[in-house]
C-alpha atoms as a PDB file:
ATOM      1  CA  MET A   1      48.399  16.048 132.354  1.00  0.00           C
ATOM      2  CA  SER A   2      52.079  16.029 131.518  1.00  0.00           C
ATOM      3  CA  GLU A   3      52.824  17.738 128.232  1.00  0.00           C
ATOM      4  CA  ILE A   4      56.249  16.077 128.223  1.00  0.00           C
ATOM      5  CA  LEU A   5      54.614  12.656 128.418  1.00  0.00           C
ATOM      6  CA  LYS A   6      52.280  13.395 125.514  1.00  0.00           C
ATOM      7  CA  GLU A   7      55.100  14.881 123.435  1.00  0.00           C
ATOM      8  CA  SER A   8      57.448  11.987 124.169  1.00  0.00           C
ATOM      9  CA  VAL A   9      54.893   9.298 123.280  1.00  0.00           C
ATOM     10  CA  GLU A  10      54.101  11.077 120.003  1.00  0.00           C
ATOM     11  CA  LYS A  11      57.779  11.546 119.124  1.00  0.00           C
ATOM     12  CA  LEU A  12      58.718   7.932 119.812  1.00  0.00           C
ATOM     13  CA  TYR A  13      55.609   6.658 118.031  1.00  0.00           C
ATOM     14  CA  GLN A  14      56.691   8.569 114.939  1.00  0.00           C
ATOM     15  CA  THR A  15      60.384   7.638 115.338  1.00  0.00           C
ATOM     16  CA  PHE A  16      60.132   3.890 115.851  1.00  0.00           C
ATOM     17  CA  ASP A  17      59.782   1.806 112.710  1.00  0.00           C
ATOM     18  CA  LYS A  18      57.703  -0.776 114.517  1.00  0.00           C
ATOM     19  CA  THR A  19      56.090  -0.367 117.881  1.00  0.00           C
ATOM     20  CA  ASP A  20      53.066  -2.528 118.288  1.00  0.00           C
ATOM     21  CA  LEU A  21      51.362  -4.503 121.005  1.00  0.00           C
ATOM     22  CA  GLU A  22      53.685  -7.489 120.646  1.00  0.00           C
ATOM     23  CA  THR A  23      56.855  -5.378 120.746  1.00  0.00           C
ATOM     24  CA  GLU A  24      55.716  -3.403 123.764  1.00  0.00           C
ATOM     25  CA  TYR A  25      54.508  -6.595 125.490  1.00  0.00           C
ATOM     26  CA  LYS A  26      58.057  -7.958 125.344  1.00  0.00           C
ATOM     27  CA  LYS A  27      59.420  -4.712 126.764  1.00  0.00           C
ATOM     28  CA  VAL A  28      56.885  -4.808 129.610  1.00  0.00           C
ATOM     29  CA  GLN A  29      57.845  -8.386 130.450  1.00  0.00           C
ATOM     30  CA  GLU A  30      61.524  -7.386 130.641  1.00  0.00           C
ATOM     31  CA  LYS A  31      60.776  -4.352 132.796  1.00  0.00           C
ATOM     32  CA  ILE A  32      58.550  -6.361 135.161  1.00  0.00           C
ATOM     33  CA  GLU A  33      61.447  -8.780 135.663  1.00  0.00           C
ATOM     34  CA  GLU A  34      63.756  -5.858 136.303  1.00  0.00           C
ATOM     35  CA  ALA A  35      61.273  -4.414 138.820  1.00  0.00           C
ATOM     36  CA  ARG A  36      61.040  -7.765 140.575  1.00  0.00           C
ATOM     37  CA  TYR A  37      64.759  -7.740 141.294  1.00  0.00           C
ATOM     38  CA  ASN A  38      65.008  -3.998 142.011  1.00  0.00           C
ATOM     39  CA  PRO A  39      62.136  -3.323 144.423  1.00  0.00           C
ATOM     40  CA  GLY A  40      63.494   0.102 145.381  1.00  0.00           C
ATOM     41  CA  ASP A  41      63.537   1.405 141.802  1.00  0.00           C
ATOM     42  CA  VAL A  42      60.302   2.798 140.357  1.00  0.00           C
ATOM     43  CA  ARG A  43      61.771   3.430 136.885  1.00  0.00           C
ATOM     44  CA  PRO A  44      61.121  -0.084 135.485  1.00  0.00           C
ATOM     45  CA  LEU A  45      57.443   0.282 136.424  1.00  0.00           C
ATOM     46  CA  ALA A  46      57.294   3.733 134.819  1.00  0.00           C
ATOM     47  CA  ASP A  47      58.902   2.224 131.701  1.00  0.00           C
ATOM     48  CA  CYS A  48      56.088  -0.357 131.641  1.00  0.00           C
ATOM     49  CA  ILE A  49      53.486   2.386 131.679  1.00  0.00           C
ATOM     50  CA  PHE A  50      55.319   4.203 128.896  1.00  0.00           C
ATOM     51  CA  SER A  51      55.394   1.027 126.796  1.00  0.00           C
ATOM     52  CA  LEU A  52      51.652   0.615 127.322  1.00  0.00           C
ATOM     53  CA  LEU A  53      51.089   4.188 126.157  1.00  0.00           C
ATOM     54  CA  LEU A  54      53.126   3.455 123.013  1.00  0.00           C
ATOM     55  CA  ALA A  55      51.115   0.284 122.389  1.00  0.00           C
ATOM     56  CA  ALA A  56      47.904   2.262 122.806  1.00  0.00           C
ATOM     57  CA  ARG A  57      49.185   4.921 120.398  1.00  0.00           C
ATOM     58  CA  ASN A  58      49.864   2.187 117.853  1.00  0.00           C
ATOM     59  CA  ARG A  59      46.192   1.247 118.182  1.00  0.00           C
ATOM     60  CA  GLY A  60      45.173   4.866 117.522  1.00  0.00           C
ATOM     61  CA  PHE A  61      44.694   6.003 121.135  1.00  0.00           C
ATOM     62  CA  ARG A  62      46.478   9.137 122.295  1.00  0.00           C
ATOM     63  CA  VAL A  63      47.752   9.609 125.850  1.00  0.00           C
ATOM     64  CA  GLU A  64      44.712  11.727 126.759  1.00  0.00           C
ATOM     65  CA  ALA A  65      42.304   8.946 125.786  1.00  0.00           C
ATOM     66  CA  VAL A  66      44.201   6.340 127.783  1.00  0.00           C
ATOM     67  CA  LEU A  67      44.340   8.550 130.873  1.00  0.00           C
ATOM     68  CA  ARG A  68      40.624   9.345 130.604  1.00  0.00           C
ATOM     69  CA  ALA A  69      39.864   5.624 130.448  1.00  0.00           C
ATOM     70  CA  LEU A  70      42.179   5.059 133.412  1.00  0.00           C
ATOM     71  CA  ASP A  71      40.238   7.665 135.414  1.00  0.00           C
ATOM     72  CA  GLU A  72      36.974   5.925 134.516  1.00  0.00           C
ATOM     73  CA  ILE A  73      38.349   2.562 135.625  1.00  0.00           C
ATOM     74  CA  ALA A  74      39.690   4.065 138.850  1.00  0.00           C
ATOM     75  CA  GLU A  75      36.285   5.604 139.597  1.00  0.00           C
ATOM     76  CA  ALA A  76      34.520   2.306 138.938  1.00  0.00           C
ATOM     77  CA  ASN A  77      37.001   0.456 141.155  1.00  0.00           C
ATOM     78  CA  LEU A  78      36.158   2.755 144.054  1.00  0.00           C
ATOM     79  CA  HIS A  79      32.582   1.483 143.965  1.00  0.00           C
ATOM     80  CA  ARG A  80      33.245  -2.220 143.485  1.00  0.00           C
ATOM     81  CA  ARG A  81      33.329  -4.833 146.170  1.00  0.00           C
ATOM     82  CA  TRP A  82      36.357  -7.075 146.022  1.00  0.00           C
ATOM     83  CA  LYS A  83      36.488 -10.730 146.957  1.00  0.00           C
ATOM     84  CA  LYS A  84      39.739 -12.555 147.576  1.00  0.00           C
ATOM     85  CA  MET A  85      39.945 -15.720 145.501  1.00  0.00           C
ATOM     86  CA  PRO A  86      41.594 -18.992 146.606  1.00  0.00           C
ATOM     87  CA  ASP A  87      44.600 -18.276 144.360  1.00  0.00           C
ATOM     88  CA  GLY A  88      45.249 -14.983 146.175  1.00  0.00           C
ATOM     89  CA  THR A  89      43.913 -12.726 143.425  1.00  0.00           C
ATOM     90  CA  TYR A  90      40.852 -10.516 143.786  1.00  0.00           C
ATOM     91  CA  HIS A  91      37.647 -10.477 141.786  1.00  0.00           C
ATOM     92  CA  ALA A  92      35.132  -7.646 141.626  1.00  0.00           C
ATOM     93  CA  THR A  93      31.652  -8.608 142.696  1.00  0.00           C
END
């Protein structure tokens, strides 16, 4: 796990006066739009992940906890069967 990532999330969490789910949601929306129009640039997507880590930290979850949960979800997804829905999305069965 990246020590720089953990340190950066903690520093910004302590620095920002207000970083909550709503604030980070707005940032993610902006970065998703940026990613849409810059398909060759991975940075807006990385910024989204960082914002989600800050939102999680605001809820009391440290980077380690989020990444552990992400591993658990990834493991579960490996064993699920996926069905394509009429709207083009997928649903686990």
